[in-house]
N, C-alpha and C. Protein backbone atom coordinates (compact mmCIF):
# COMPACT_ATOMS: atom_id res chain seq x y z
N MET A 1 253.85 -52.56 259.81
CA MET A 1 252.74 -51.80 259.31
C MET A 1 252.24 -52.40 258.03
N ALA A 2 250.96 -52.51 257.98
CA ALA A 2 250.36 -53.08 256.77
C ALA A 2 250.21 -52.00 255.72
N GLU A 3 250.45 -52.42 254.53
CA GLU A 3 250.38 -51.48 253.42
C GLU A 3 248.95 -51.39 252.94
N LYS A 4 248.46 -50.19 252.73
CA LYS A 4 247.10 -50.00 252.31
C LYS A 4 247.03 -49.98 250.80
N LYS A 5 246.20 -50.80 250.23
CA LYS A 5 246.08 -50.89 248.79
C LYS A 5 244.84 -50.15 248.35
N THR A 6 245.02 -49.39 247.28
CA THR A 6 243.88 -48.71 246.71
C THR A 6 243.76 -49.12 245.27
N SER A 7 242.59 -49.18 244.80
CA SER A 7 242.39 -49.54 243.39
C SER A 7 241.96 -48.30 242.64
N SER A 8 242.49 -48.17 241.47
CA SER A 8 242.13 -47.01 240.64
C SER A 8 241.03 -47.43 239.69
N PRO A 9 240.18 -46.50 239.30
CA PRO A 9 239.07 -46.86 238.44
C PRO A 9 239.52 -47.36 237.08
N SER A 10 240.56 -46.80 236.48
CA SER A 10 241.04 -47.29 235.18
C SER A 10 242.55 -47.36 235.23
N PRO A 11 243.07 -48.54 235.47
CA PRO A 11 244.53 -48.66 235.60
C PRO A 11 245.22 -48.36 234.27
N SER A 12 246.42 -47.82 234.38
CA SER A 12 247.22 -47.54 233.18
C SER A 12 247.63 -48.86 232.57
N PRO A 13 247.59 -48.96 231.26
CA PRO A 13 247.98 -50.22 230.64
C PRO A 13 249.47 -50.46 230.81
N SER A 14 249.82 -51.70 230.94
CA SER A 14 251.24 -52.04 231.00
C SER A 14 251.83 -51.86 229.62
N PRO A 15 253.16 -51.79 229.48
CA PRO A 15 253.77 -51.62 228.17
C PRO A 15 253.34 -52.69 227.18
N ASP A 16 253.17 -53.94 227.65
CA ASP A 16 252.73 -55.01 226.74
C ASP A 16 251.31 -54.75 226.26
N ASP A 17 250.43 -54.31 227.19
CA ASP A 17 249.05 -54.01 226.81
C ASP A 17 248.99 -52.84 225.84
N ALA A 18 249.88 -51.82 226.02
CA ALA A 18 249.87 -50.65 225.14
C ALA A 18 250.27 -51.04 223.73
N ALA A 19 251.25 -51.92 223.60
CA ALA A 19 251.69 -52.34 222.27
C ALA A 19 250.61 -53.13 221.58
N ALA A 20 249.95 -54.02 222.33
CA ALA A 20 248.88 -54.82 221.75
C ALA A 20 247.72 -53.93 221.35
N SER A 21 247.41 -52.94 222.17
CA SER A 21 246.32 -52.02 221.86
C SER A 21 246.63 -51.21 220.61
N SER A 22 247.88 -50.75 220.49
CA SER A 22 248.30 -49.98 219.31
C SER A 22 248.23 -50.83 218.06
N ALA A 23 248.69 -52.08 218.14
CA ALA A 23 248.67 -52.97 216.99
C ALA A 23 247.24 -53.25 216.57
N ALA A 24 246.36 -53.44 217.54
CA ALA A 24 244.97 -53.73 217.22
C ALA A 24 244.31 -52.53 216.55
N SER A 25 244.58 -51.33 217.05
CA SER A 25 243.94 -50.15 216.47
C SER A 25 244.52 -49.82 215.10
N SER A 26 245.79 -50.16 214.83
CA SER A 26 246.37 -49.84 213.54
C SER A 26 245.93 -50.81 212.46
N THR A 27 245.46 -52.00 212.85
CA THR A 27 245.02 -52.96 211.84
C THR A 27 243.51 -53.04 211.76
N GLY A 28 242.82 -52.46 212.68
CA GLY A 28 241.37 -52.61 212.78
C GLY A 28 240.60 -52.20 211.55
N SER A 29 240.52 -50.93 211.23
CA SER A 29 239.61 -50.47 210.20
C SER A 29 240.17 -50.60 208.80
N THR A 30 241.48 -50.59 208.62
CA THR A 30 242.06 -50.65 207.28
C THR A 30 242.39 -52.06 206.85
N ASP A 31 242.30 -53.02 207.78
CA ASP A 31 242.67 -54.38 207.44
C ASP A 31 241.77 -54.95 206.36
N GLY A 32 240.51 -54.73 206.45
CA GLY A 32 239.58 -55.25 205.46
C GLY A 32 239.78 -54.60 204.10
N LEU A 33 240.02 -53.31 204.05
CA LEU A 33 240.25 -52.60 202.79
C LEU A 33 241.55 -53.04 202.13
N ALA A 34 242.62 -53.17 202.93
CA ALA A 34 243.91 -53.59 202.38
C ALA A 34 243.81 -54.98 201.79
N SER A 35 243.13 -55.89 202.47
CA SER A 35 243.02 -57.26 201.95
C SER A 35 242.09 -57.29 200.73
N ALA A 36 241.07 -56.43 200.69
CA ALA A 36 240.18 -56.39 199.53
C ALA A 36 240.92 -55.89 198.29
N LEU A 37 241.87 -54.98 198.49
CA LEU A 37 242.65 -54.46 197.36
C LEU A 37 243.88 -55.31 197.06
N GLY A 38 244.14 -56.30 197.86
CA GLY A 38 245.29 -57.16 197.66
C GLY A 38 246.59 -56.52 198.11
N LEU A 39 246.53 -55.59 199.05
CA LEU A 39 247.73 -54.89 199.55
C LEU A 39 248.16 -55.45 200.88
N ASP A 40 249.44 -55.40 201.10
CA ASP A 40 249.98 -55.81 202.40
C ASP A 40 250.32 -54.54 203.16
N ALA A 41 249.69 -54.32 204.27
CA ALA A 41 249.92 -53.11 205.06
C ALA A 41 251.24 -53.15 205.81
N GLY A 42 251.94 -54.26 205.81
CA GLY A 42 253.21 -54.36 206.50
C GLY A 42 253.02 -54.68 207.95
N PRO A 43 254.12 -54.77 208.69
CA PRO A 43 254.00 -55.14 210.10
C PRO A 43 253.37 -54.00 210.89
N ALA A 44 252.71 -54.38 211.97
CA ALA A 44 252.05 -53.40 212.83
C ALA A 44 253.11 -52.60 213.58
N PHE A 45 252.82 -51.34 213.86
CA PHE A 45 253.71 -50.50 214.63
C PHE A 45 253.78 -51.01 216.06
N ASP A 46 255.00 -51.23 216.56
CA ASP A 46 255.13 -51.81 217.89
C ASP A 46 255.29 -50.77 218.97
N GLY A 47 255.36 -49.50 218.61
CA GLY A 47 255.46 -48.44 219.61
C GLY A 47 256.84 -48.25 220.18
N GLY A 48 257.87 -48.89 219.60
CA GLY A 48 259.23 -48.75 220.12
C GLY A 48 259.82 -47.39 219.76
N ASP A 49 260.98 -47.12 220.33
CA ASP A 49 261.66 -45.85 220.10
C ASP A 49 262.44 -45.83 218.80
N ASP A 50 262.64 -46.97 218.17
CA ASP A 50 263.44 -47.04 216.95
C ASP A 50 262.62 -46.49 215.79
N ALA A 51 263.08 -45.38 215.22
CA ALA A 51 262.37 -44.75 214.11
C ALA A 51 262.98 -45.15 212.78
N GLY A 52 263.83 -46.14 212.74
CA GLY A 52 264.40 -46.60 211.49
C GLY A 52 265.74 -45.97 211.18
N PRO A 53 266.23 -46.21 209.96
CA PRO A 53 267.57 -45.75 209.60
C PRO A 53 267.70 -44.23 209.56
N LEU A 54 266.60 -43.50 209.43
CA LEU A 54 266.70 -42.05 209.38
C LEU A 54 267.02 -41.43 210.73
N ALA A 55 266.80 -42.17 211.79
CA ALA A 55 267.03 -41.64 213.12
C ALA A 55 268.44 -41.86 213.60
N LEU A 56 269.31 -42.45 212.80
CA LEU A 56 270.69 -42.67 213.24
C LEU A 56 271.39 -41.34 213.42
N GLU A 57 272.11 -41.24 214.50
CA GLU A 57 272.86 -40.02 214.74
C GLU A 57 274.15 -40.06 213.94
N GLU A 58 274.47 -38.93 213.31
CA GLU A 58 275.72 -38.85 212.57
C GLU A 58 276.84 -38.61 213.56
N PRO A 59 278.00 -39.19 213.27
CA PRO A 59 279.13 -38.94 214.18
C PRO A 59 279.51 -37.48 214.11
N PRO A 60 280.01 -36.93 215.18
CA PRO A 60 280.38 -35.52 215.16
C PRO A 60 281.49 -35.27 214.12
N ALA A 61 281.40 -34.13 213.46
CA ALA A 61 282.40 -33.78 212.46
C ALA A 61 283.74 -33.56 213.17
N PRO A 62 284.82 -33.92 212.50
CA PRO A 62 286.12 -33.68 213.13
C PRO A 62 286.33 -32.18 213.30
N GLU A 63 286.99 -31.83 214.37
CA GLU A 63 287.23 -30.42 214.64
C GLU A 63 288.21 -29.88 213.60
N ILE A 64 287.82 -28.80 213.00
CA ILE A 64 288.65 -28.18 211.97
C ILE A 64 289.55 -27.16 212.66
N ARG A 65 290.85 -27.33 212.45
CA ARG A 65 291.83 -26.43 213.06
C ARG A 65 292.97 -26.18 212.09
N TRP A 66 293.65 -25.07 212.28
CA TRP A 66 294.83 -24.77 211.49
C TRP A 66 295.96 -25.69 211.94
N GLN A 67 296.72 -26.19 211.00
CA GLN A 67 297.88 -27.01 211.31
C GLN A 67 299.13 -26.15 211.13
N LEU A 68 300.14 -26.39 211.92
CA LEU A 68 301.37 -25.61 211.86
C LEU A 68 302.00 -25.69 210.47
N SER A 69 301.98 -26.86 209.86
CA SER A 69 302.59 -27.02 208.53
C SER A 69 301.85 -26.20 207.48
N THR A 70 300.53 -26.09 207.59
CA THR A 70 299.76 -25.29 206.64
C THR A 70 300.09 -23.82 206.81
N VAL A 71 300.18 -23.35 208.04
CA VAL A 71 300.50 -21.94 208.30
C VAL A 71 301.90 -21.62 207.78
N LYS A 72 302.86 -22.52 208.00
CA LYS A 72 304.22 -22.29 207.47
C LYS A 72 304.20 -22.24 205.95
N GLY A 73 303.43 -23.10 205.33
CA GLY A 73 303.32 -23.09 203.87
C GLY A 73 302.73 -21.79 203.35
N LEU A 74 301.70 -21.29 204.05
CA LEU A 74 301.08 -20.03 203.64
C LEU A 74 302.05 -18.86 203.82
N LEU A 75 302.79 -18.86 204.92
CA LEU A 75 303.77 -17.80 205.14
C LEU A 75 304.87 -17.84 204.08
N THR A 76 305.30 -19.03 203.72
CA THR A 76 306.32 -19.17 202.67
C THR A 76 305.79 -18.63 201.34
N ALA A 77 304.57 -18.99 200.99
CA ALA A 77 303.98 -18.49 199.75
C ALA A 77 303.80 -16.98 199.79
N GLN A 78 303.40 -16.46 200.95
CA GLN A 78 303.24 -15.01 201.10
C GLN A 78 304.56 -14.29 200.90
N GLY A 79 305.63 -14.81 201.50
CA GLY A 79 306.95 -14.19 201.35
C GLY A 79 307.43 -14.22 199.91
N MET A 80 307.22 -15.32 199.23
CA MET A 80 307.66 -15.41 197.83
C MET A 80 306.84 -14.49 196.93
N ALA A 81 305.53 -14.39 197.19
CA ALA A 81 304.70 -13.49 196.40
C ALA A 81 305.10 -12.03 196.63
N THR A 82 305.35 -11.67 197.89
CA THR A 82 305.79 -10.31 198.20
C THR A 82 307.13 -10.02 197.54
N HIS A 83 308.04 -10.99 197.59
CA HIS A 83 309.35 -10.83 196.95
C HIS A 83 309.20 -10.58 195.45
N SER A 84 308.36 -11.37 194.80
CA SER A 84 308.24 -11.22 193.35
C SER A 84 307.55 -9.91 192.98
N LEU A 85 306.76 -9.34 193.88
CA LEU A 85 306.06 -8.09 193.57
C LEU A 85 306.89 -6.85 193.86
N ILE A 86 307.61 -6.81 195.00
CA ILE A 86 308.22 -5.55 195.40
C ILE A 86 309.71 -5.61 195.69
N ALA A 87 310.34 -6.74 195.53
CA ALA A 87 311.78 -6.81 195.83
C ALA A 87 312.57 -5.93 194.87
N VAL A 88 313.56 -5.22 195.39
CA VAL A 88 314.42 -4.39 194.57
C VAL A 88 315.36 -5.27 193.77
N ASP A 89 315.99 -6.22 194.44
CA ASP A 89 316.90 -7.14 193.79
C ASP A 89 316.22 -8.49 193.68
N LYS A 90 315.76 -8.82 192.50
CA LYS A 90 314.99 -10.06 192.31
C LYS A 90 315.84 -11.31 192.56
N ASP A 91 317.17 -11.18 192.48
CA ASP A 91 318.04 -12.33 192.73
C ASP A 91 318.34 -12.51 194.22
N SER A 92 317.92 -11.55 195.04
CA SER A 92 318.16 -11.65 196.47
C SER A 92 317.05 -12.47 197.13
N GLU A 93 317.06 -12.48 198.43
CA GLU A 93 316.00 -13.17 199.16
C GLU A 93 315.18 -12.18 199.97
N GLU A 94 315.06 -10.94 199.44
CA GLU A 94 314.24 -9.94 200.12
C GLU A 94 312.82 -10.46 200.27
N TRP A 95 312.24 -10.23 201.41
CA TRP A 95 310.85 -10.55 201.72
C TRP A 95 310.56 -12.04 201.81
N ILE A 96 311.52 -12.90 201.55
CA ILE A 96 311.31 -14.34 201.67
C ILE A 96 311.62 -14.74 203.10
N HIS A 97 310.69 -15.43 203.75
CA HIS A 97 310.88 -15.84 205.15
C HIS A 97 311.99 -16.88 205.25
N THR A 98 312.88 -16.65 206.21
CA THR A 98 313.89 -17.66 206.50
C THR A 98 313.26 -18.72 207.40
N GLN A 99 313.97 -19.82 207.61
CA GLN A 99 313.47 -20.86 208.50
C GLN A 99 313.33 -20.32 209.91
N ALA A 100 314.25 -19.44 210.33
CA ALA A 100 314.15 -18.84 211.67
C ALA A 100 312.89 -17.96 211.76
N ASP A 101 312.58 -17.22 210.68
CA ASP A 101 311.36 -16.42 210.67
C ASP A 101 310.13 -17.31 210.82
N LEU A 102 310.10 -18.38 210.04
CA LEU A 102 308.95 -19.29 210.09
C LEU A 102 308.80 -19.91 211.48
N ASN A 103 309.92 -20.29 212.10
CA ASN A 103 309.87 -20.90 213.44
C ASN A 103 309.42 -19.90 214.50
N ALA A 104 309.68 -18.62 214.28
CA ALA A 104 309.27 -17.60 215.24
C ALA A 104 307.82 -17.14 215.01
N ILE A 105 307.36 -17.11 213.78
CA ILE A 105 306.05 -16.55 213.45
C ILE A 105 304.95 -17.60 213.44
N ALA A 106 305.20 -18.76 212.84
CA ALA A 106 304.13 -19.74 212.59
C ALA A 106 303.45 -20.29 213.85
N PRO A 107 304.18 -20.68 214.90
CA PRO A 107 303.47 -21.24 216.07
C PRO A 107 302.48 -20.26 216.73
N PRO A 108 302.89 -19.01 217.03
CA PRO A 108 301.88 -18.13 217.64
C PRO A 108 300.77 -17.76 216.66
N LEU A 109 301.09 -17.64 215.38
CA LEU A 109 300.05 -17.34 214.40
C LEU A 109 299.04 -18.49 214.31
N THR A 110 299.53 -19.72 214.37
CA THR A 110 298.64 -20.89 214.36
C THR A 110 297.70 -20.85 215.56
N ASN A 111 298.23 -20.54 216.74
CA ASN A 111 297.41 -20.45 217.95
C ASN A 111 296.36 -19.35 217.82
N ILE A 112 296.76 -18.21 217.28
CA ILE A 112 295.82 -17.09 217.12
C ILE A 112 294.72 -17.46 216.12
N LEU A 113 295.09 -18.09 215.02
CA LEU A 113 294.10 -18.48 214.01
C LEU A 113 293.11 -19.50 214.56
N ASN A 114 293.56 -20.36 215.48
CA ASN A 114 292.68 -21.37 216.07
C ASN A 114 291.85 -20.83 217.23
N ARG A 115 292.17 -19.65 217.71
CA ARG A 115 291.48 -19.10 218.87
C ARG A 115 290.09 -18.55 218.53
N TYR A 116 289.91 -18.01 217.35
CA TYR A 116 288.67 -17.34 216.99
C TYR A 116 287.86 -18.20 216.01
N ASP A 117 286.54 -18.23 216.20
CA ASP A 117 285.68 -19.08 215.38
C ASP A 117 285.80 -18.78 213.90
N VAL A 118 285.83 -17.51 213.54
CA VAL A 118 285.87 -17.14 212.12
C VAL A 118 287.16 -17.61 211.46
N THR A 119 288.29 -17.36 212.10
CA THR A 119 289.56 -17.77 211.50
C THR A 119 289.75 -19.28 211.57
N ARG A 120 289.21 -19.91 212.62
CA ARG A 120 289.29 -21.37 212.71
C ARG A 120 288.46 -22.01 211.59
N ALA A 121 287.30 -21.44 211.30
CA ALA A 121 286.46 -21.95 210.20
C ALA A 121 287.16 -21.78 208.86
N ALA A 122 287.97 -20.74 208.72
CA ALA A 122 288.69 -20.51 207.46
C ALA A 122 289.74 -21.59 207.21
N SER A 123 290.11 -22.33 208.24
CA SER A 123 291.12 -23.38 208.06
C SER A 123 290.62 -24.48 207.14
N ALA A 124 289.32 -24.61 207.00
CA ALA A 124 288.77 -25.62 206.09
C ALA A 124 289.22 -25.34 204.66
N ALA A 125 289.50 -24.08 204.36
CA ALA A 125 289.95 -23.70 203.01
C ALA A 125 291.45 -23.42 202.99
N GLY A 126 292.18 -23.91 203.98
CA GLY A 126 293.63 -23.65 204.06
C GLY A 126 294.39 -24.15 202.84
N ASP A 127 294.07 -25.35 202.37
CA ASP A 127 294.76 -25.88 201.20
C ASP A 127 294.43 -25.08 199.95
N GLU A 128 293.18 -24.70 199.82
CA GLU A 128 292.78 -23.89 198.67
C GLU A 128 293.48 -22.54 198.69
N LEU A 129 293.57 -21.94 199.87
CA LEU A 129 294.25 -20.66 200.02
C LEU A 129 295.73 -20.80 199.68
N ALA A 130 296.37 -21.86 200.13
CA ALA A 130 297.78 -22.09 199.81
C ALA A 130 297.97 -22.29 198.31
N LEU A 131 297.06 -23.00 197.68
CA LEU A 131 297.13 -23.19 196.23
C LEU A 131 297.01 -21.86 195.50
N ILE A 132 296.04 -21.05 195.89
CA ILE A 132 295.86 -19.75 195.24
C ILE A 132 297.10 -18.87 195.41
N MET A 133 297.65 -18.85 196.62
CA MET A 133 298.85 -18.04 196.85
C MET A 133 300.03 -18.57 196.05
N GLY A 134 300.17 -19.87 195.97
CA GLY A 134 301.26 -20.46 195.19
C GLY A 134 301.11 -20.14 193.71
N LEU A 135 299.90 -20.26 193.19
CA LEU A 135 299.68 -19.95 191.77
C LEU A 135 299.87 -18.46 191.50
N ALA A 136 299.48 -17.60 192.44
CA ALA A 136 299.68 -16.16 192.26
C ALA A 136 301.18 -15.83 192.22
N GLY A 137 301.96 -16.46 193.11
CA GLY A 137 303.40 -16.24 193.08
C GLY A 137 304.02 -16.74 191.79
N TYR A 138 303.58 -17.89 191.34
CA TYR A 138 304.07 -18.45 190.07
C TYR A 138 303.73 -17.51 188.91
N ALA A 139 302.49 -17.03 188.87
CA ALA A 139 302.07 -16.15 187.78
C ALA A 139 302.84 -14.83 187.80
N THR A 140 303.02 -14.27 188.98
CA THR A 140 303.76 -13.01 189.11
C THR A 140 305.21 -13.18 188.64
N ARG A 141 305.85 -14.23 189.09
CA ARG A 141 307.24 -14.48 188.67
C ARG A 141 307.33 -14.72 187.17
N SER A 142 306.40 -15.49 186.64
CA SER A 142 306.43 -15.80 185.20
C SER A 142 306.20 -14.55 184.37
N ILE A 143 305.29 -13.68 184.79
CA ILE A 143 305.05 -12.43 184.06
C ILE A 143 306.30 -11.55 184.09
N ARG A 144 306.94 -11.43 185.27
CA ARG A 144 308.16 -10.62 185.38
C ARG A 144 309.26 -11.17 184.48
N GLU A 145 309.46 -12.50 184.49
CA GLU A 145 310.50 -13.09 183.64
C GLU A 145 310.19 -12.92 182.17
N ARG A 146 308.92 -12.98 181.80
CA ARG A 146 308.52 -12.78 180.40
C ARG A 146 308.81 -11.34 179.97
N GLN A 147 308.48 -10.38 180.83
CA GLN A 147 308.74 -8.98 180.51
C GLN A 147 310.24 -8.74 180.33
N GLN A 148 311.06 -9.36 181.17
CA GLN A 148 312.51 -9.20 181.03
C GLN A 148 313.00 -9.83 179.73
N ALA A 149 312.47 -10.99 179.37
CA ALA A 149 312.88 -11.65 178.13
C ALA A 149 312.45 -10.84 176.91
N LEU A 150 311.26 -10.26 176.94
CA LEU A 150 310.79 -9.43 175.82
C LEU A 150 311.64 -8.16 175.69
N ALA A 151 312.01 -7.56 176.81
CA ALA A 151 312.86 -6.36 176.77
C ALA A 151 314.23 -6.70 176.18
N ALA A 152 314.80 -7.84 176.56
CA ALA A 152 316.09 -8.26 176.01
C ALA A 152 315.98 -8.54 174.52
N LEU A 153 314.89 -9.13 174.09
CA LEU A 153 314.67 -9.40 172.66
C LEU A 153 314.54 -8.11 171.87
N ARG A 154 313.81 -7.14 172.40
CA ARG A 154 313.67 -5.84 171.73
C ARG A 154 315.02 -5.15 171.60
N GLU A 155 315.82 -5.25 172.65
CA GLU A 155 317.13 -4.61 172.62
C GLU A 155 318.02 -5.23 171.55
N GLU A 156 317.94 -6.56 171.40
CA GLU A 156 318.71 -7.23 170.36
C GLU A 156 318.27 -6.78 168.97
N GLU A 157 316.97 -6.66 168.76
CA GLU A 157 316.44 -6.28 167.45
C GLU A 157 316.70 -4.82 167.13
N ASP A 158 316.52 -3.92 168.08
CA ASP A 158 316.64 -2.48 167.84
C ASP A 158 318.05 -1.96 168.06
N GLY A 159 318.91 -2.71 168.64
CA GLY A 159 320.25 -2.23 168.95
C GLY A 159 320.21 -1.38 170.21
N PRO A 160 321.34 -0.79 170.54
CA PRO A 160 321.37 0.02 171.77
C PRO A 160 320.46 1.24 171.63
N GLN A 161 319.85 1.62 172.69
CA GLN A 161 318.95 2.77 172.72
C GLN A 161 319.65 3.95 173.38
N PRO A 162 319.31 5.17 172.94
CA PRO A 162 319.90 6.35 173.59
C PRO A 162 319.49 6.41 175.06
N ILE A 163 320.32 7.01 175.86
CA ILE A 163 320.05 7.12 177.29
C ILE A 163 318.75 7.87 177.53
N THR A 164 318.49 8.87 176.69
CA THR A 164 317.27 9.67 176.87
C THR A 164 316.02 8.89 176.48
N GLY A 165 316.18 7.84 175.69
CA GLY A 165 315.03 7.08 175.23
C GLY A 165 314.40 7.67 173.99
N ILE A 166 314.95 8.80 173.47
CA ILE A 166 314.39 9.46 172.28
C ILE A 166 315.32 9.21 171.11
N GLN A 167 314.76 8.72 170.01
CA GLN A 167 315.55 8.46 168.81
C GLN A 167 315.83 9.80 168.09
N PRO A 168 317.04 9.95 167.52
CA PRO A 168 317.32 11.18 166.77
C PRO A 168 316.50 11.20 165.47
N ASP A 169 316.29 12.43 164.96
CA ASP A 169 315.50 12.59 163.73
C ASP A 169 316.24 12.08 162.50
N HIS A 170 317.56 12.20 162.49
CA HIS A 170 318.34 11.73 161.34
C HIS A 170 319.39 10.73 161.80
N PRO A 171 319.67 9.75 160.97
CA PRO A 171 320.69 8.77 161.37
C PRO A 171 322.07 9.43 161.44
N GLN A 172 322.87 8.96 162.35
CA GLN A 172 324.22 9.51 162.50
C GLN A 172 325.12 8.96 161.41
N GLU A 173 326.01 9.83 160.95
CA GLU A 173 327.00 9.39 159.97
C GLU A 173 328.13 8.71 160.70
N GLN A 174 328.98 8.05 159.94
CA GLN A 174 330.12 7.38 160.55
C GLN A 174 330.99 8.42 161.25
N PRO A 175 331.43 8.13 162.42
CA PRO A 175 332.31 9.11 163.09
C PRO A 175 333.64 9.27 162.33
N TRP A 176 334.15 10.48 162.39
CA TRP A 176 335.39 10.78 161.69
C TRP A 176 336.55 10.14 162.46
N THR A 177 337.39 9.46 161.74
CA THR A 177 338.57 8.86 162.33
C THR A 177 339.79 9.28 161.55
N THR A 178 340.95 9.14 162.13
CA THR A 178 342.19 9.50 161.46
C THR A 178 342.67 8.35 160.60
N GLU A 179 342.13 7.21 160.80
CA GLU A 179 342.54 6.06 159.99
C GLU A 179 341.71 5.99 158.73
N GLN A 180 342.37 5.66 157.65
CA GLN A 180 341.63 5.55 156.40
C GLN A 180 341.84 4.24 155.75
């Protein structure tokens, strides 16, 4: 079968013709003015897809996620802060997470924190949060130790205090003894 050819009244320009047409139109009317002013208009636009260095795609940001070590560090700081605030026996390890506690709590907590967009986004500030918790625990412990040191100093200066906490109105005389 013979192929039937039809001619169109105005054929579409080929890519080479389009580039030449674009270059001619971009230099046409301003070329005389630019040369009269002594300006160089630069190279003609070639119609390519390259828009220059501004069109470069940025690489995707690394996925931000909670790390197990960060979660363990935060749990450790939380336990120490809780201990310094509410422990009955400050020399004990009340409220401080043991290694077994950390091994049982941290992995599922890490998974939960990474599951939700809001908590996953908070991981970007994980180090800052750990620093704040660590400094809060340090400050709490230091304040408690300072209060204890000041109380001991007052006791040394004032001597023993009555159990009631109320000083008598008159000083006590020497107790009577049989020895003279």
